[in-house]
Amino acid sequence: MTENNELNETAQVNETPNQEQPKKAFCKHCGAEIEPGSAFCPACGKPTGKSPIQQPDQQAQQPQQQFNNTNQTSTTTTVIVENKGSHSNGLGTAGFVLSLIAFLVCWIPVIDFVVWFLGALFSFIGIFKKPRGLAIAGLVISFIGIIILLAFFGAIIGLASR
């Protein structure tokens, strides 16, 4: 029975697990202690990267490959490009300008009709693109211009038929 007790005592002593201390990590920017595996340093707020710098006594225990990785510095530059697109409607603007020109030269029948047609066409196409303001204004001016053009032609035909 005494042999069993002695064996149990030695077994209990040998069964005590050899627990390792949790590894501590330090920020590579400011040197503050951080939680292993955390993404950002609580002191400086900078990202810790994939492998934060470890304590010097633990670095000696790490393989040479990891030691070389901690000595290398890498800079990462993030470039954000925003393509906001155009804030103008070229066809709508061209239609508006041509409609104004047609409105101003409404007393010249042939030139007025050509410029009016192009202004109305460009304004109509420009309505389907954003921003629509000048395209709508050009279309309204074109319709006013065609009314004036028809009235002008009606007056000329009325005077010619007398």
N, C-alpha and C. Protein backbone atom coordinates (compact mmCIF):
# COMPACT_ATOMS: atom_id res chain seq x y z
N MET A 1 0.81 -1.17 0.00
CA MET A 1 0.00 0.00 0.00
C MET A 1 0.87 1.24 0.00
N THR A 2 1.98 1.21 0.68
CA THR A 2 2.87 2.35 0.71
C THR A 2 3.48 2.59 -0.67
N GLU A 3 3.68 1.54 -1.40
CA GLU A 3 4.21 1.71 -2.76
C GLU A 3 3.21 2.41 -3.65
N ASN A 4 1.94 2.08 -3.49
CA ASN A 4 0.90 2.75 -4.28
C ASN A 4 0.83 4.24 -3.95
N ASN A 5 0.95 4.60 -2.67
CA ASN A 5 0.92 6.00 -2.27
C ASN A 5 2.11 6.75 -2.84
N GLU A 6 3.26 6.11 -2.82
CA GLU A 6 4.46 6.77 -3.36
C GLU A 6 4.33 6.97 -4.86
N LEU A 7 3.76 5.99 -5.56
CA LEU A 7 3.56 6.13 -7.00
C LEU A 7 2.56 7.22 -7.31
N ASN A 8 1.50 7.32 -6.53
CA ASN A 8 0.50 8.36 -6.74
C ASN A 8 1.09 9.75 -6.52
N GLU A 9 1.92 9.89 -5.50
CA GLU A 9 2.53 11.19 -5.22
C GLU A 9 3.46 11.60 -6.35
N THR A 10 4.26 10.68 -6.86
CA THR A 10 5.16 11.03 -7.95
C THR A 10 4.38 11.31 -9.23
N ALA A 11 3.27 10.60 -9.41
CA ALA A 11 2.45 10.84 -10.58
C ALA A 11 1.82 12.23 -10.51
N GLN A 12 1.40 12.65 -9.33
CA GLN A 12 0.80 13.96 -9.18
C GLN A 12 1.83 15.06 -9.44
N VAL A 13 3.02 14.87 -9.00
CA VAL A 13 4.05 15.87 -9.23
C VAL A 13 4.36 15.97 -10.71
N ASN A 14 4.44 14.85 -11.42
CA ASN A 14 4.75 14.85 -12.84
C ASN A 14 3.58 15.30 -13.70
N GLU A 15 2.34 15.19 -13.20
CA GLU A 15 1.18 15.56 -13.99
C GLU A 15 0.95 17.05 -14.04
N THR A 16 1.62 17.82 -13.24
CA THR A 16 1.42 19.27 -13.26
C THR A 16 1.88 19.80 -14.61
N PRO A 17 0.96 20.42 -15.35
CA PRO A 17 1.35 20.88 -16.69
C PRO A 17 2.30 22.06 -16.63
N ASN A 18 3.16 22.11 -17.59
CA ASN A 18 4.13 23.20 -17.70
C ASN A 18 3.48 24.27 -18.58
N GLN A 19 2.81 25.22 -17.94
CA GLN A 19 2.10 26.26 -18.69
C GLN A 19 3.07 27.38 -19.05
N GLU A 20 2.96 27.81 -20.32
CA GLU A 20 3.82 28.91 -20.77
C GLU A 20 3.12 30.23 -20.48
N GLN A 21 3.91 31.23 -20.29
CA GLN A 21 3.38 32.57 -20.09
C GLN A 21 2.80 33.07 -21.42
N PRO A 22 1.68 33.78 -21.40
CA PRO A 22 1.16 34.32 -22.66
C PRO A 22 2.15 35.34 -23.22
N LYS A 23 2.33 35.30 -24.53
CA LYS A 23 3.29 36.19 -25.18
C LYS A 23 2.74 37.61 -25.18
N LYS A 24 3.61 38.55 -24.85
CA LYS A 24 3.22 39.95 -24.86
C LYS A 24 3.68 40.55 -26.18
N ALA A 25 2.92 41.51 -26.67
CA ALA A 25 3.27 42.17 -27.91
C ALA A 25 3.34 43.66 -27.67
N PHE A 26 4.17 44.31 -28.47
CA PHE A 26 4.35 45.75 -28.33
C PHE A 26 4.13 46.40 -29.69
N CYS A 27 3.60 47.62 -29.66
CA CYS A 27 3.35 48.38 -30.90
C CYS A 27 4.67 48.74 -31.54
N LYS A 28 4.75 48.56 -32.87
CA LYS A 28 6.00 48.86 -33.57
C LYS A 28 6.17 50.36 -33.80
N HIS A 29 5.12 51.15 -33.52
CA HIS A 29 5.21 52.59 -33.72
C HIS A 29 5.56 53.34 -32.43
N CYS A 30 4.85 52.99 -31.32
CA CYS A 30 5.09 53.74 -30.09
C CYS A 30 5.67 52.88 -28.97
N GLY A 31 5.67 51.54 -29.11
CA GLY A 31 6.26 50.66 -28.12
C GLY A 31 5.33 50.29 -26.98
N ALA A 32 4.07 50.72 -27.02
CA ALA A 32 3.13 50.41 -25.95
C ALA A 32 2.73 48.93 -26.03
N GLU A 33 2.41 48.36 -24.86
CA GLU A 33 2.00 46.95 -24.83
C GLU A 33 0.59 46.84 -25.40
N ILE A 34 0.41 45.85 -26.28
CA ILE A 34 -0.89 45.62 -26.89
C ILE A 34 -1.28 44.16 -26.71
N GLU A 35 -2.55 43.89 -26.89
CA GLU A 35 -3.04 42.52 -26.84
C GLU A 35 -2.55 41.79 -28.08
N PRO A 36 -2.05 40.56 -27.93
CA PRO A 36 -1.63 39.81 -29.12
C PRO A 36 -2.82 39.58 -30.06
N GLY A 37 -2.62 39.88 -31.31
CA GLY A 37 -3.65 39.69 -32.32
C GLY A 37 -4.55 40.90 -32.51
N SER A 38 -4.36 41.98 -31.73
CA SER A 38 -5.22 43.15 -31.91
C SER A 38 -4.79 43.91 -33.16
N ALA A 39 -5.74 44.56 -33.80
CA ALA A 39 -5.48 45.22 -35.07
C ALA A 39 -4.91 46.62 -34.89
N PHE A 40 -5.25 47.29 -33.78
CA PHE A 40 -4.80 48.67 -33.58
C PHE A 40 -4.21 48.83 -32.18
N CYS A 41 -3.26 49.72 -32.08
CA CYS A 41 -2.62 50.03 -30.80
C CYS A 41 -3.57 50.90 -29.99
N PRO A 42 -3.80 50.57 -28.70
CA PRO A 42 -4.70 51.40 -27.90
C PRO A 42 -4.06 52.74 -27.53
N ALA A 43 -2.74 52.85 -27.58
CA ALA A 43 -2.08 54.10 -27.20
C ALA A 43 -2.02 55.10 -28.35
N CYS A 44 -1.53 54.67 -29.51
CA CYS A 44 -1.35 55.60 -30.62
C CYS A 44 -2.42 55.45 -31.69
N GLY A 45 -3.16 54.35 -31.71
CA GLY A 45 -4.24 54.16 -32.66
C GLY A 45 -3.81 53.70 -34.03
N LYS A 46 -2.52 53.46 -34.23
CA LYS A 46 -2.03 53.02 -35.54
C LYS A 46 -2.22 51.52 -35.68
N PRO A 47 -2.37 51.05 -36.94
CA PRO A 47 -2.52 49.61 -37.13
C PRO A 47 -1.26 48.87 -36.72
N THR A 48 -1.47 47.70 -36.13
CA THR A 48 -0.31 46.94 -35.63
C THR A 48 0.31 46.08 -36.71
N GLY A 49 -0.37 45.84 -37.79
CA GLY A 49 0.20 45.01 -38.85
C GLY A 49 0.01 43.54 -38.54
N LYS A 50 0.64 42.69 -39.32
CA LYS A 50 0.46 41.25 -39.17
C LYS A 50 1.21 40.72 -37.96
N SER A 51 2.43 41.21 -37.70
CA SER A 51 3.20 40.70 -36.58
C SER A 51 3.76 41.86 -35.78
N PRO A 52 3.15 42.20 -34.63
CA PRO A 52 3.69 43.27 -33.80
C PRO A 52 5.05 42.88 -33.24
N ILE A 53 5.84 43.88 -32.88
CA ILE A 53 7.18 43.64 -32.33
C ILE A 53 7.03 43.00 -30.95
N GLN A 54 7.76 41.94 -30.73
CA GLN A 54 7.69 41.24 -29.46
C GLN A 54 8.81 41.71 -28.55
N GLN A 55 8.73 41.29 -27.29
CA GLN A 55 9.77 41.66 -26.34
C GLN A 55 11.11 41.09 -26.79
N PRO A 56 12.21 41.77 -26.44
CA PRO A 56 13.52 41.31 -26.91
C PRO A 56 13.86 39.89 -26.44
N ASP A 57 13.48 39.49 -25.22
CA ASP A 57 13.83 38.15 -24.77
C ASP A 57 13.03 37.08 -25.52
N GLN A 58 11.87 37.43 -25.99
CA GLN A 58 11.10 36.46 -26.77
C GLN A 58 11.53 36.45 -28.23
N GLN A 59 12.11 37.54 -28.71
CA GLN A 59 12.59 37.56 -30.08
C GLN A 59 13.71 36.55 -30.28
N ALA A 60 14.53 36.36 -29.28
CA ALA A 60 15.63 35.42 -29.39
C ALA A 60 15.10 33.99 -29.52
N GLN A 61 13.93 33.71 -28.95
CA GLN A 61 13.36 32.37 -29.03
C GLN A 61 12.68 32.11 -30.37
N GLN A 62 12.35 33.16 -31.09
CA GLN A 62 11.64 33.01 -32.37
C GLN A 62 12.63 32.60 -33.46
N PRO A 63 12.15 31.97 -34.52
CA PRO A 63 13.02 31.59 -35.62
C PRO A 63 13.60 32.82 -36.32
N GLN A 64 14.67 32.61 -37.03
CA GLN A 64 15.38 33.70 -37.71
C GLN A 64 14.49 34.37 -38.74
N GLN A 65 13.62 33.64 -39.38
CA GLN A 65 12.77 34.21 -40.43
C GLN A 65 11.86 35.28 -39.84
N GLN A 66 11.24 35.03 -38.70
CA GLN A 66 10.38 36.03 -38.09
C GLN A 66 11.20 37.21 -37.60
N PHE A 67 12.42 36.98 -37.15
CA PHE A 67 13.28 38.07 -36.72
C PHE A 67 13.57 39.01 -37.88
N ASN A 68 13.80 38.45 -39.07
CA ASN A 68 14.05 39.28 -40.23
C ASN A 68 12.81 40.07 -40.63
N ASN A 69 11.63 39.50 -40.46
CA ASN A 69 10.40 40.20 -40.82
C ASN A 69 10.15 41.41 -39.94
N THR A 70 10.55 41.33 -38.65
CA THR A 70 10.29 42.45 -37.76
C THR A 70 11.26 43.58 -38.01
N ASN A 71 12.41 43.31 -38.59
CA ASN A 71 13.37 44.38 -38.87
C ASN A 71 13.06 45.11 -40.17
N GLN A 72 12.27 44.51 -41.02
CA GLN A 72 11.96 45.16 -42.29
C GLN A 72 10.85 46.18 -42.07
N THR A 73 10.99 47.32 -42.69
CA THR A 73 9.94 48.32 -42.61
C THR A 73 9.23 48.35 -43.94
N SER A 74 7.93 48.41 -43.86
CA SER A 74 7.15 48.48 -45.09
C SER A 74 6.18 49.64 -44.96
N THR A 75 6.09 50.40 -46.02
CA THR A 75 5.14 51.51 -46.04
C THR A 75 4.05 51.18 -47.03
N THR A 76 2.84 51.35 -46.59
CA THR A 76 1.69 51.09 -47.44
C THR A 76 0.99 52.41 -47.70
N THR A 77 0.81 52.73 -48.95
CA THR A 77 0.13 53.95 -49.32
C THR A 77 -1.20 53.59 -49.94
N THR A 78 -2.25 54.16 -49.40
CA THR A 78 -3.59 53.92 -49.94
C THR A 78 -4.03 55.16 -50.69
N VAL A 79 -4.38 54.96 -51.94
CA VAL A 79 -4.85 56.06 -52.77
C VAL A 79 -6.31 55.81 -53.10
N ILE A 80 -7.16 56.76 -52.75
CA ILE A 80 -8.58 56.64 -53.04
C ILE A 80 -8.90 57.61 -54.17
N VAL A 81 -9.41 57.08 -55.25
CA VAL A 81 -9.75 57.89 -56.41
C VAL A 81 -11.26 57.89 -56.56
N GLU A 82 -11.83 59.07 -56.54
CA GLU A 82 -13.26 59.19 -56.74
C GLU A 82 -13.51 59.78 -58.11
N ASN A 83 -14.25 59.06 -58.91
CA ASN A 83 -14.62 59.54 -60.23
C ASN A 83 -16.04 60.05 -60.12
N LYS A 84 -16.16 61.35 -59.92
CA LYS A 84 -17.48 61.92 -59.70
C LYS A 84 -18.25 62.13 -60.99
N GLY A 85 -17.59 62.02 -62.11
CA GLY A 85 -18.28 62.21 -63.38
C GLY A 85 -18.48 63.69 -63.67
N SER A 86 -19.10 63.93 -64.75
CA SER A 86 -19.32 65.28 -65.20
C SER A 86 -20.60 65.84 -64.58
N HIS A 87 -20.54 67.07 -64.11
CA HIS A 87 -21.71 67.74 -63.56
C HIS A 87 -22.32 68.69 -64.57
N SER A 88 -22.13 68.42 -65.84
CA SER A 88 -22.73 69.26 -66.87
C SER A 88 -23.33 68.36 -67.94
N ASN A 89 -24.24 68.93 -68.65
CA ASN A 89 -24.92 68.21 -69.72
C ASN A 89 -24.59 68.96 -71.00
N GLY A 90 -23.61 68.47 -71.74
CA GLY A 90 -23.12 69.17 -72.92
C GLY A 90 -24.18 69.35 -73.99
N LEU A 91 -24.96 68.30 -74.26
CA LEU A 91 -26.00 68.40 -75.28
C LEU A 91 -27.11 69.34 -74.83
N GLY A 92 -27.47 69.30 -73.57
CA GLY A 92 -28.49 70.22 -73.06
C GLY A 92 -28.04 71.66 -73.14
N THR A 93 -26.76 71.90 -72.80
CA THR A 93 -26.22 73.26 -72.89
C THR A 93 -26.16 73.73 -74.34
N ALA A 94 -25.73 72.86 -75.24
CA ALA A 94 -25.67 73.22 -76.66
C ALA A 94 -27.07 73.50 -77.20
N GLY A 95 -28.05 72.70 -76.82
CA GLY A 95 -29.43 72.93 -77.24
C GLY A 95 -29.97 74.25 -76.73
N PHE A 96 -29.63 74.59 -75.48
CA PHE A 96 -30.06 75.86 -74.90
C PHE A 96 -29.46 77.04 -75.67
N VAL A 97 -28.17 76.97 -75.95
CA VAL A 97 -27.49 78.06 -76.66
C VAL A 97 -28.05 78.19 -78.08
N LEU A 98 -28.22 77.08 -78.78
CA LEU A 98 -28.77 77.14 -80.14
C LEU A 98 -30.21 77.64 -80.14
N SER A 99 -30.97 77.30 -79.13
CA SER A 99 -32.35 77.80 -79.05
C SER A 99 -32.37 79.30 -78.83
N LEU A 100 -31.45 79.80 -78.00
CA LEU A 100 -31.36 81.25 -77.80
C LEU A 100 -30.96 81.97 -79.09
N ILE A 101 -30.02 81.38 -79.81
CA ILE A 101 -29.58 81.98 -81.09
C ILE A 101 -30.75 81.95 -82.08
N ALA A 102 -31.49 80.85 -82.11
CA ALA A 102 -32.66 80.76 -83.01
C ALA A 102 -33.70 81.80 -82.63
N PHE A 103 -33.87 82.04 -81.34
CA PHE A 103 -34.84 83.03 -80.88
C PHE A 103 -34.41 84.44 -81.29
N LEU A 104 -33.10 84.70 -81.25
CA LEU A 104 -32.59 86.03 -81.61
C LEU A 104 -32.61 86.29 -83.12
N VAL A 105 -32.45 85.24 -83.92
CA VAL A 105 -32.42 85.44 -85.38
C VAL A 105 -33.71 84.92 -86.02
N CYS A 106 -34.82 85.03 -85.29
CA CYS A 106 -36.08 84.51 -85.82
C CYS A 106 -36.57 85.29 -87.03
N TRP A 107 -36.05 86.44 -87.30
CA TRP A 107 -36.47 87.23 -88.46
C TRP A 107 -35.76 86.80 -89.74
N ILE A 108 -34.76 85.86 -89.63
CA ILE A 108 -34.08 85.31 -90.81
C ILE A 108 -34.60 83.88 -90.98
N PRO A 109 -35.52 83.62 -91.93
CA PRO A 109 -36.23 82.33 -91.97
C PRO A 109 -35.36 81.10 -92.14
N VAL A 110 -34.46 81.04 -93.09
CA VAL A 110 -33.71 79.81 -93.36
C VAL A 110 -32.73 79.50 -92.24
N ILE A 111 -31.97 80.49 -91.81
CA ILE A 111 -30.99 80.30 -90.72
C ILE A 111 -31.72 79.94 -89.43
N ASP A 112 -32.86 80.62 -89.20
CA ASP A 112 -33.62 80.37 -87.97
C ASP A 112 -34.11 78.92 -87.93
N PHE A 113 -34.61 78.41 -89.08
CA PHE A 113 -35.13 77.04 -89.08
C PHE A 113 -34.03 76.02 -88.80
N VAL A 114 -32.85 76.18 -89.39
CA VAL A 114 -31.74 75.24 -89.18
C VAL A 114 -31.26 75.29 -87.73
N VAL A 115 -31.06 76.50 -87.22
CA VAL A 115 -30.57 76.64 -85.84
C VAL A 115 -31.64 76.17 -84.86
N TRP A 116 -32.92 76.47 -85.16
CA TRP A 116 -34.01 76.02 -84.29
C TRP A 116 -34.06 74.50 -84.23
N PHE A 117 -33.96 73.84 -85.39
CA PHE A 117 -34.03 72.38 -85.44
C PHE A 117 -32.89 71.76 -84.63
N LEU A 118 -31.68 72.26 -84.81
CA LEU A 118 -30.54 71.72 -84.04
C LEU A 118 -30.71 71.98 -82.54
N GLY A 119 -31.18 73.17 -82.18
CA GLY A 119 -31.41 73.49 -80.76
C GLY A 119 -32.47 72.59 -80.14
N ALA A 120 -33.56 72.35 -80.88
CA ALA A 120 -34.62 71.48 -80.36
C ALA A 120 -34.13 70.04 -80.25
N LEU A 121 -33.36 69.58 -81.23
CA LEU A 121 -32.84 68.21 -81.22
C LEU A 121 -31.88 67.99 -80.06
N PHE A 122 -30.91 68.90 -79.89
CA PHE A 122 -29.94 68.75 -78.80
C PHE A 122 -30.61 68.86 -77.43
N SER A 123 -31.58 69.76 -77.32
CA SER A 123 -32.29 69.89 -76.04
C SER A 123 -33.09 68.64 -75.73
N PHE A 124 -33.74 68.06 -76.75
CA PHE A 124 -34.51 66.84 -76.54
C PHE A 124 -33.61 65.69 -76.10
N ILE A 125 -32.46 65.54 -76.73
CA ILE A 125 -31.52 64.48 -76.34
C ILE A 125 -30.95 64.76 -74.94
N GLY A 126 -30.71 66.04 -74.64
CA GLY A 126 -30.15 66.42 -73.34
C GLY A 126 -31.10 66.19 -72.18
N ILE A 127 -32.40 66.07 -72.45
CA ILE A 127 -33.36 65.83 -71.36
C ILE A 127 -33.12 64.47 -70.71
N PHE A 128 -32.56 63.53 -71.44
CA PHE A 128 -32.36 62.18 -70.92
C PHE A 128 -31.06 62.03 -70.14
N LYS A 129 -30.31 63.13 -69.96
CA LYS A 129 -29.07 63.11 -69.17
C LYS A 129 -29.21 64.10 -68.04
N LYS A 130 -28.50 63.87 -66.95
CA LYS A 130 -28.54 64.78 -65.81
C LYS A 130 -27.39 65.75 -65.87
N PRO A 131 -27.48 66.95 -65.44
CA PRO A 131 -28.65 67.71 -65.01
C PRO A 131 -29.48 68.15 -66.21
N ARG A 132 -30.76 68.29 -65.98
CA ARG A 132 -31.70 68.52 -67.08
C ARG A 132 -32.13 69.96 -67.24
N GLY A 133 -31.71 70.85 -66.37
CA GLY A 133 -32.21 72.23 -66.35
C GLY A 133 -32.07 72.97 -67.66
N LEU A 134 -30.85 73.04 -68.20
CA LEU A 134 -30.64 73.79 -69.44
C LEU A 134 -31.30 73.09 -70.63
N ALA A 135 -31.39 71.78 -70.60
CA ALA A 135 -32.04 71.05 -71.69
C ALA A 135 -33.53 71.38 -71.73
N ILE A 136 -34.18 71.42 -70.58
CA ILE A 136 -35.60 71.77 -70.53
C ILE A 136 -35.81 73.21 -70.97
N ALA A 137 -34.95 74.11 -70.49
CA ALA A 137 -35.05 75.52 -70.89
C ALA A 137 -34.85 75.67 -72.39
N GLY A 138 -33.90 74.95 -72.96
CA GLY A 138 -33.66 75.00 -74.40
C GLY A 138 -34.85 74.49 -75.19
N LEU A 139 -35.51 73.43 -74.69
CA LEU A 139 -36.68 72.89 -75.38
C LEU A 139 -37.86 73.87 -75.33
N VAL A 140 -38.05 74.52 -74.19
CA VAL A 140 -39.13 75.52 -74.07
C VAL A 140 -38.86 76.69 -74.99
N ILE A 141 -37.63 77.18 -75.02
CA ILE A 141 -37.29 78.30 -75.92
C ILE A 141 -37.44 77.87 -77.38
N SER A 142 -37.12 76.63 -77.69
CA SER A 142 -37.29 76.14 -79.06
C SER A 142 -38.75 76.16 -79.47
N PHE A 143 -39.64 75.74 -78.57
CA PHE A 143 -41.07 75.75 -78.90
C PHE A 143 -41.59 77.18 -79.04
N ILE A 144 -41.12 78.08 -78.20
CA ILE A 144 -41.49 79.49 -78.36
C ILE A 144 -40.95 80.02 -79.69
N GLY A 145 -39.73 79.64 -80.03
CA GLY A 145 -39.13 80.07 -81.29
C GLY A 145 -39.88 79.55 -82.50
N ILE A 146 -40.35 78.29 -82.44
CA ILE A 146 -41.09 77.75 -83.59
C ILE A 146 -42.45 78.44 -83.74
N ILE A 147 -43.06 78.82 -82.63
CA ILE A 147 -44.32 79.57 -82.70
C ILE A 147 -44.08 80.92 -83.37
N ILE A 148 -43.01 81.59 -83.00
CA ILE A 148 -42.67 82.87 -83.64
C ILE A 148 -42.35 82.66 -85.11
N LEU A 149 -41.62 81.60 -85.44
CA LEU A 149 -41.28 81.31 -86.84
C LEU A 149 -42.53 81.04 -87.67
N LEU A 150 -43.48 80.26 -87.13
CA LEU A 150 -44.72 79.99 -87.86
C LEU A 150 -45.56 81.26 -88.02
N ALA A 151 -45.57 82.08 -86.99
CA ALA A 151 -46.31 83.36 -87.10
C ALA A 151 -45.66 84.25 -88.15
N PHE A 152 -44.34 84.27 -88.20
CA PHE A 152 -43.62 85.09 -89.19
C PHE A 152 -43.91 84.59 -90.61
N PHE A 153 -43.84 83.26 -90.81
CA PHE A 153 -44.16 82.69 -92.13
C PHE A 153 -45.63 82.93 -92.49
N GLY A 154 -46.54 82.82 -91.53
CA GLY A 154 -47.96 83.08 -91.79
C GLY A 154 -48.19 84.52 -92.23
N ALA A 155 -47.47 85.44 -91.57
CA ALA A 155 -47.63 86.86 -91.95
C ALA A 155 -47.09 87.10 -93.35
N ILE A 156 -45.99 86.49 -93.70
CA ILE A 156 -45.41 86.68 -95.04
C ILE A 156 -46.34 86.07 -96.08
N ILE A 157 -46.89 84.89 -95.84
CA ILE A 157 -47.80 84.26 -96.80
C ILE A 157 -49.09 85.07 -96.91
N GLY A 158 -49.58 85.61 -95.81
CA GLY A 158 -50.81 86.44 -95.83
C GLY A 158 -50.59 87.71 -96.63
N LEU A 159 -49.42 88.33 -96.49
CA LEU A 159 -49.15 89.56 -97.25
C LEU A 159 -48.93 89.23 -98.73
N ALA A 160 -48.36 88.08 -99.04
CA ALA A 160 -48.09 87.70 -100.44
C ALA A 160 -49.38 87.34 -101.16
N SER A 161 -50.38 86.84 -100.47
CA SER A 161 -51.60 86.41 -101.14
C SER A 161 -52.57 87.57 -101.42
N ARG A 162 -52.38 88.73 -100.94
CA ARG A 162 -53.25 89.85 -101.19
C ARG A 162 -53.11 90.38 -102.54
